[in-house]
Protein backbone atom coordinates (compact mmCIF):
# COMPACT_ATOMS: atom_id res chain seq x y z
CA UNK A 1 100.28 -1.06 27.84
CA UNK A 2 101.55 -1.77 30.94
CA UNK A 3 100.19 -0.21 34.37
CA UNK A 4 101.09 3.08 34.83
CA UNK A 5 99.87 4.14 31.11
CA UNK A 6 96.12 1.88 31.68
CA UNK A 7 95.93 4.27 34.79
CA UNK A 8 96.50 7.46 32.61
CA UNK A 9 94.80 6.68 29.67
CA UNK A 10 91.62 5.34 32.75
CA UNK A 11 91.82 8.81 34.32
CA UNK A 12 91.84 10.81 31.00
CA UNK A 13 89.13 8.90 30.06
CA UNK A 14 86.63 9.97 33.03
CA UNK A 15 88.55 13.01 33.24
CA UNK A 16 86.46 13.67 30.15
CA UNK A 17 83.12 11.75 31.48
CA UNK A 18 83.17 14.59 34.06
CA UNK A 19 83.73 17.55 32.33
CA UNK A 20 81.39 15.98 29.61
CA UNK A 21 78.49 15.56 32.52
CA UNK A 22 79.30 19.19 34.22
CA UNK A 23 78.21 20.86 30.67
CA UNK A 24 75.84 19.04 30.15
CA UNK A 25 74.77 19.38 33.51
CA UNK A 26 75.02 23.78 32.73
CA UNK A 27 73.57 23.49 29.55
CA UNK A 28 70.15 22.09 31.29
CA UNK A 29 69.89 24.23 33.94
CA UNK A 30 71.05 27.35 31.81
CA UNK A 31 67.33 25.97 29.74
CA UNK A 32 65.24 25.24 32.32
CA UNK A 33 66.41 29.39 33.42
CA UNK A 34 65.74 30.66 29.90
CA UNK A 35 62.48 28.43 29.41
CA UNK A 36 61.12 29.07 33.43
CA UNK A 37 60.42 32.71 32.76
CA UNK A 38 58.09 32.31 29.94
CA UNK A 39 56.75 29.71 31.17
CA UNK A 40 55.65 30.77 34.73
CA UNK A 41 54.60 34.81 33.00
CA UNK A 42 52.23 32.25 31.11
CA UNK A 43 50.82 29.91 33.61
CA UNK A 44 50.69 33.73 35.71
CA UNK A 45 48.22 35.41 32.72
CA UNK A 46 46.80 31.61 32.05
CA UNK A 47 45.44 32.42 36.37
CA UNK A 48 44.81 35.58 35.34
CA UNK A 49 42.35 35.24 32.57
CA UNK A 50 40.69 32.22 34.57
CA UNK A 51 39.80 33.31 37.47
CA UNK A 52 36.97 32.80 38.42
CA UNK A 53 35.51 31.32 35.20
CA UNK A 54 33.53 27.69 35.47
CA UNK A 55 34.75 24.92 34.88
CA UNK A 56 32.37 24.05 31.88
CA UNK A 57 34.51 27.36 30.02
CA UNK A 58 37.94 26.13 30.82
CA UNK A 59 36.70 22.34 29.94
CA UNK A 60 35.48 23.30 26.58
CA UNK A 61 38.50 25.77 26.18
CA UNK A 62 40.61 22.99 26.44
CA UNK A 63 39.13 20.30 24.54
CA UNK A 64 39.02 22.46 22.02
CA UNK A 65 43.01 23.41 22.17
CA UNK A 66 43.07 19.18 22.08
CA UNK A 67 41.02 18.61 19.09
CA UNK A 68 42.64 21.90 17.25
CA UNK A 69 46.66 19.88 18.11
CA UNK A 70 45.03 16.65 16.89
CA UNK A 71 43.87 18.11 13.60
CA UNK A 72 46.79 19.45 12.73
CA UNK A 73 49.15 16.81 13.61
CA UNK A 74 47.75 13.99 11.17
CA UNK A 75 49.50 13.63 7.93
CA UNK A 76 47.11 15.06 5.95
CA UNK A 77 48.23 18.42 7.15
CA UNK A 78 52.07 17.58 6.08
CA UNK A 79 52.03 20.04 3.03
CA UNK A 80 50.38 22.67 5.36
CA UNK A 81 52.28 23.18 8.08
CA UNK A 82 55.62 22.43 7.06
């Protein structure tokens, strides 16, 4: 392979890598925008619901969510949830 052939081959590979990286970046931004809207809506609803609530209530609800997710993820429940 001569130098001009190698240079064309290398340029083609670099061109492909650039467009692949750009496509992945565009998809990442689109996904972030798509999932960002429901996330911020959920955060606003949660902040509204817990406004004025005590720290103890918030902590109990958070621990309950963690406990339920830990129980559901046990291998014993694989047949139930899959």
